[in-house]
Amino acid sequence: MRKFLHSLIAVSTLSLAATAAVAADPKPTIVLVHGAFAGSSSWNGVVGELSKKGYTVVAAANPLRGVASDGAYVAALAKSINGPVVLVGHSYGGAVITAAANGLPNVKALVYVAAFAPDQGESALDLTGKFPGSTLPPTLAAPVKLPDGGEDLYVQQDKFPKQFAADVPLAQARAMAATQRPVATAALKEAAPAPAWKTVPSWSIYGTGDLNIPPQAMAFMAERAQSKKTVVLKNGSHALMVSHPREVAALIQEAAGS
């Protein structure tokens, strides 16, 4: 009986220790930040993959108004989350998470999905023009003039599938074109603040068929940020989170578990 009690106490102690360890090291919350000409629903496939693995996921509604203001918006969201956070950015959303993570101790990793990872003083337009390959400018519709004097940009709907989502089923790509979120022209021209990737570890994934951001530019940014792992998908379009949700989710899980 004494041996049995000792064994029971030992097992209970181990169980309590394991429970404490889990409580002390919870799964990070994954915050997904979409980019220009997309929306939160573009992450649906990735959300499904991560949810199956037990992650809490938040697909933020990126305002697409400016790097500093959008970064502050995402930072406020991340601050409201108890426990560690992984910030994931697509396209222009990469510039947003690069700004948002500055000074946030609960942000443990950054994941760039066909995204910009600017250094201080760089804009999305600077990085796009640094290397050849982007065919985005001629596919843009005439700017929408806003009451405050700014302007919004959209991709022409008939050109959207080939330009943005060439590896997405056509019907789905057309629906994405109709529901795209506009980006302020000023946001693409705005210079980035000090980059969080200098202090927060980062991961990167992009496709060789991206027509928005030149693949060479994304390779350059990943190397400069000392990406822990860079995944390159052959012929992958700019809409990787839609066309390759499993691969994107797998990289996010790797970053979350690091």
Protein backbone atom coordinates (compact mmCIF):
# COMPACT_ATOMS: atom_id res chain seq x y z
CA MET A 1 0.00 0.00 0.00
CA ARG A 2 2.86 2.36 0.91
CA LYS A 3 4.53 1.72 -2.47
CA PHE A 4 1.22 2.31 -4.21
CA LEU A 5 0.75 5.64 -2.41
CA HIS A 6 4.29 6.73 -3.27
CA SER A 7 3.65 5.84 -6.91
CA LEU A 8 0.35 7.70 -6.89
CA ILE A 9 1.99 10.79 -5.39
CA ALA A 10 4.79 10.61 -7.96
CA VAL A 11 2.34 10.35 -10.86
CA SER A 12 0.28 13.22 -9.47
CA THR A 13 3.38 15.36 -9.09
CA LEU A 14 4.41 14.64 -12.69
CA SER A 15 0.90 15.42 -13.91
CA LEU A 16 0.88 18.73 -12.05
CA ALA A 17 4.32 19.57 -13.45
CA ALA A 18 3.16 18.77 -16.98
CA THR A 19 0.04 20.89 -16.51
CA ALA A 20 2.12 23.77 -15.21
CA ALA A 21 4.49 23.46 -18.15
CA VAL A 22 1.62 23.60 -20.61
CA ALA A 23 0.12 26.58 -18.80
CA ALA A 24 3.51 28.33 -18.80
CA ASP A 25 4.07 27.68 -22.50
CA PRO A 26 0.70 27.94 -24.27
CA LYS A 27 0.28 27.75 -28.02
CA PRO A 28 0.74 31.21 -29.52
CA THR A 29 -2.25 33.01 -30.96
CA ILE A 30 -1.81 33.47 -34.71
CA VAL A 31 -2.72 36.93 -36.02
CA LEU A 32 -3.12 37.01 -39.81
CA VAL A 33 -2.84 40.36 -41.58
CA HIS A 34 -4.00 40.59 -45.20
CA GLY A 35 -2.53 42.98 -47.73
CA ALA A 36 -3.75 45.21 -50.52
CA PHE A 37 -6.53 43.99 -52.84
CA ALA A 38 -7.42 41.17 -50.41
CA GLY A 39 -9.45 40.77 -47.24
CA SER A 40 -9.60 38.73 -44.04
CA SER A 41 -11.47 35.93 -45.81
CA SER A 42 -8.43 35.29 -48.00
CA TRP A 43 -6.99 33.49 -44.97
CA ASN A 44 -9.92 31.04 -44.64
CA GLY A 45 -7.94 28.00 -45.81
CA VAL A 46 -5.03 28.82 -43.51
CA VAL A 47 -7.41 29.40 -40.59
CA GLY A 48 -8.92 25.95 -41.18
CA GLU A 49 -5.51 24.27 -41.21
CA LEU A 50 -4.30 26.00 -38.06
CA SER A 51 -7.57 25.46 -36.19
CA LYS A 52 -7.26 21.72 -36.77
CA LYS A 53 -3.92 21.89 -34.95
CA GLY A 54 -5.44 23.61 -31.94
CA TYR A 55 -4.32 27.18 -32.61
CA THR A 56 -6.39 30.23 -31.83
CA VAL A 57 -6.42 32.37 -34.95
CA VAL A 58 -7.45 35.98 -35.56
CA ALA A 59 -7.67 37.31 -39.13
CA ALA A 60 -7.33 41.04 -38.64
CA ALA A 61 -9.20 43.54 -40.79
CA ASN A 62 -6.24 45.58 -42.05
CA PRO A 63 -7.40 49.17 -42.74
CA LEU A 64 -4.94 49.57 -45.68
CA ARG A 65 -4.60 53.30 -44.97
CA GLY A 66 -0.92 53.69 -44.05
CA VAL A 67 2.01 51.72 -42.62
CA ALA A 68 2.18 53.63 -39.33
CA SER A 69 -1.56 53.78 -38.67
CA ASP A 70 -2.19 50.20 -39.81
CA GLY A 71 0.77 49.05 -37.74
CA ALA A 72 -0.65 50.79 -34.67
CA TYR A 73 -4.03 49.13 -35.29
CA VAL A 74 -2.48 45.64 -35.47
CA ALA A 75 -0.24 46.40 -32.48
CA ALA A 76 -3.31 47.29 -30.40
CA LEU A 77 -4.90 43.99 -31.38
CA ALA A 78 -1.75 42.03 -30.47
CA LYS A 79 -1.47 43.83 -27.12
CA SER A 80 -5.01 42.77 -26.24
CA ILE A 81 -4.10 39.08 -26.53
CA ASN A 82 -2.94 37.24 -23.43
CA GLY A 83 0.09 35.09 -24.18
CA PRO A 84 2.49 34.82 -27.09
CA VAL A 85 1.57 35.97 -30.59
CA VAL A 86 2.81 35.13 -34.07
CA LEU A 87 2.19 37.90 -36.59
CA VAL A 88 1.69 36.81 -40.20
CA GLY A 89 1.56 39.31 -43.04
CA HIS A 90 0.63 38.96 -46.69
CA SER A 91 1.88 41.45 -49.30
CA TYR A 92 1.55 45.01 -47.91
CA GLY A 93 0.54 43.31 -44.64
CA GLY A 94 4.20 42.35 -44.27
CA ALA A 95 5.11 46.04 -43.95
CA VAL A 96 2.33 46.38 -41.37
CA ILE A 97 3.55 43.54 -39.12
CA THR A 98 7.11 44.83 -39.49
CA ALA A 99 5.94 48.08 -37.90
CA ALA A 100 3.41 46.57 -35.48
CA ALA A 101 5.78 44.19 -33.69
CA ASN A 102 8.16 46.92 -32.52
CA GLY A 103 8.20 47.03 -28.74
CA LEU A 104 5.69 44.19 -28.28
CA PRO A 105 7.26 41.56 -26.00
CA ASN A 106 4.51 39.01 -26.65
CA VAL A 107 5.23 38.85 -30.41
CA LYS A 108 7.49 35.81 -30.74
CA ALA A 109 7.74 35.41 -34.52
CA LEU A 110 7.00 37.09 -37.84
CA VAL A 111 5.93 35.18 -40.94
CA TYR A 112 6.03 36.82 -44.35
CA VAL A 113 3.67 35.34 -46.96
CA ALA A 114 4.46 36.78 -50.41
CA ALA A 115 5.10 39.92 -48.42
CA PHE A 116 7.16 43.04 -48.00
CA ALA A 117 9.73 43.10 -45.19
CA PRO A 118 10.97 46.70 -45.48
CA ASP A 119 13.92 48.26 -43.77
CA GLN A 120 13.65 51.70 -42.20
CA GLY A 121 12.88 54.35 -44.80
CA GLU A 122 11.76 51.92 -47.52
CA SER A 123 8.28 51.83 -49.02
CA ALA A 124 6.39 49.06 -50.79
CA LEU A 125 6.83 50.93 -54.07
CA ASP A 126 10.58 51.27 -53.46
CA LEU A 127 10.97 47.53 -52.98
CA THR A 128 8.72 46.63 -55.92
CA GLY A 129 10.77 48.82 -58.23
CA LYS A 130 14.12 47.64 -56.89
CA PHE A 131 13.91 44.46 -59.00
CA PRO A 132 12.25 43.67 -62.34
CA GLY A 133 9.18 41.46 -62.68
CA SER A 134 6.11 43.26 -61.30
CA THR A 135 3.31 43.66 -63.84
CA LEU A 136 0.90 45.24 -61.36
CA PRO A 137 0.88 48.93 -62.43
CA PRO A 138 -0.87 48.49 -65.82
CA THR A 139 -3.54 46.24 -64.25
CA LEU A 140 -4.69 48.92 -61.80
CA ALA A 141 -7.99 50.69 -62.34
CA ALA A 142 -8.22 54.47 -62.41
CA PRO A 143 -7.68 55.72 -58.84
CA VAL A 144 -10.78 56.49 -56.79
CA LYS A 145 -10.57 60.07 -55.51
CA LEU A 146 -11.42 60.33 -51.82
CA PRO A 147 -13.05 63.25 -49.96
CA ASP A 148 -9.85 63.87 -47.95
CA GLY A 149 -7.80 64.37 -51.11
CA GLY A 150 -6.27 60.90 -51.10
CA GLU A 151 -7.00 58.08 -53.49
CA ASP A 152 -7.76 54.37 -53.39
CA LEU A 153 -6.38 51.75 -55.72
CA TYR A 154 -8.08 48.61 -57.06
CA VAL A 155 -6.98 45.97 -59.55
CA GLN A 156 -9.20 45.83 -62.64
CA GLN A 157 -11.55 42.91 -62.06
CA ASP A 158 -10.98 41.28 -65.45
CA LYS A 159 -7.21 41.37 -64.93
CA PHE A 160 -7.27 40.28 -61.28
CA PRO A 161 -7.27 36.47 -61.74
CA LYS A 162 -4.12 36.37 -63.88
CA GLN A 163 -2.32 39.16 -62.03
CA PHE A 164 -3.10 38.27 -58.43
CA ALA A 165 -4.32 34.68 -58.25
CA ALA A 166 -3.23 32.73 -61.33
CA ASP A 167 -3.10 29.40 -59.43
CA VAL A 168 -6.53 29.85 -57.80
CA PRO A 169 -9.63 28.33 -59.48
CA LEU A 170 -11.04 30.94 -61.85
CA ALA A 171 -14.47 31.22 -60.23
CA GLN A 172 -12.85 31.79 -56.85
CA ALA A 173 -10.37 34.31 -58.27
CA ARG A 174 -13.25 36.24 -59.86
CA ALA A 175 -15.03 36.34 -56.50
CA MET A 176 -11.81 37.64 -54.91
CA ALA A 177 -11.67 40.34 -57.59
CA ALA A 178 -15.20 41.47 -56.79
CA THR A 179 -14.59 41.58 -53.04
CA GLN A 180 -11.07 43.05 -53.05
CA ARG A 181 -10.24 45.72 -50.48
CA PRO A 182 -8.67 48.91 -51.87
CA VAL A 183 -5.38 50.27 -50.61
CA ALA A 184 -4.60 53.96 -50.21
CA THR A 185 -1.96 55.10 -52.69
CA ALA A 186 -0.21 56.88 -49.80
CA ALA A 187 0.17 53.57 -47.93
CA LEU A 188 2.27 52.09 -50.72
CA LYS A 189 4.47 55.20 -50.77
CA GLU A 190 4.88 55.52 -46.99
CA ALA A 191 8.37 54.91 -45.61
CA ALA A 192 8.63 52.14 -43.03
CA PRO A 193 9.79 52.74 -39.44
CA ALA A 194 12.52 50.69 -37.74
CA PRO A 195 11.90 47.03 -38.69
CA ALA A 196 10.89 44.48 -36.07
CA TRP A 197 12.65 41.71 -38.03
CA LYS A 198 15.94 42.98 -36.65
CA THR A 199 14.92 41.78 -33.18
CA VAL A 200 12.13 39.24 -33.81
CA PRO A 201 12.87 35.98 -35.70
CA SER A 202 11.18 35.68 -39.08
CA TRP A 203 10.10 33.08 -41.63
CA SER A 204 9.25 33.60 -45.30
CA ILE A 205 7.27 31.91 -48.07
CA TYR A 206 6.69 33.12 -51.64
CA GLY A 207 6.05 31.81 -55.15
CA THR A 208 8.15 32.03 -58.29
CA GLY A 209 5.03 33.02 -60.26
CA ASP A 210 4.27 36.14 -58.22
CA LEU A 211 3.41 39.05 -60.54
CA ASN A 212 2.83 41.67 -57.84
CA ILE A 213 6.07 41.54 -55.86
CA PRO A 214 9.11 40.34 -57.84
CA PRO A 215 10.34 36.99 -56.45
CA GLN A 216 13.86 38.39 -56.54
CA ALA A 217 12.74 41.17 -54.19
CA MET A 218 11.24 38.67 -51.74
CA ALA A 219 14.41 36.55 -51.84
CA PHE A 220 16.43 39.69 -51.09
CA MET A 221 14.20 40.68 -48.18
CA ALA A 222 14.16 37.18 -46.67
CA GLU A 223 17.94 36.95 -46.77
CA ARG A 224 18.37 40.43 -45.34
CA ALA A 225 16.00 39.61 -42.47
CA GLN A 226 17.96 36.39 -41.83
CA SER A 227 14.84 34.30 -42.31
CA LYS A 228 14.95 31.14 -40.19
CA LYS A 229 13.39 29.24 -43.08
CA THR A 230 12.40 30.38 -46.55
CA VAL A 231 10.00 28.29 -48.63
CA VAL A 232 9.80 28.94 -52.37
CA LEU A 233 6.80 27.46 -54.19
CA LYS A 234 7.31 26.83 -57.89
CA ASN A 235 4.84 28.86 -59.98
CA GLY A 236 3.06 30.04 -56.83
CA SER A 237 1.04 33.22 -57.38
CA HIS A 238 0.72 36.25 -55.13
CA ALA A 239 -2.34 34.65 -53.45
CA LEU A 240 -0.40 31.84 -51.76
CA MET A 241 -2.61 31.79 -48.67
CA VAL A 242 -5.54 30.89 -50.95
CA SER A 243 -3.81 28.50 -53.37
CA HIS A 244 -1.41 26.83 -50.89
CA PRO A 245 -3.00 27.05 -47.43
CA ARG A 246 -1.36 23.85 -46.17
CA GLU A 247 2.15 24.98 -47.02
CA VAL A 248 1.53 28.42 -45.54
CA ALA A 249 0.01 26.95 -42.38
CA ALA A 250 2.89 24.49 -42.02
CA LEU A 251 5.42 27.31 -42.02
CA ILE A 252 3.37 29.29 -39.51
CA GLN A 253 3.25 26.22 -37.25
CA GLU A 254 7.02 25.89 -37.51
CA ALA A 255 7.45 29.51 -36.50
CA ALA A 256 4.94 29.11 -33.65
CA GLY A 257 6.74 26.06 -32.30
CA SER A 258 10.23 27.53 -32.45
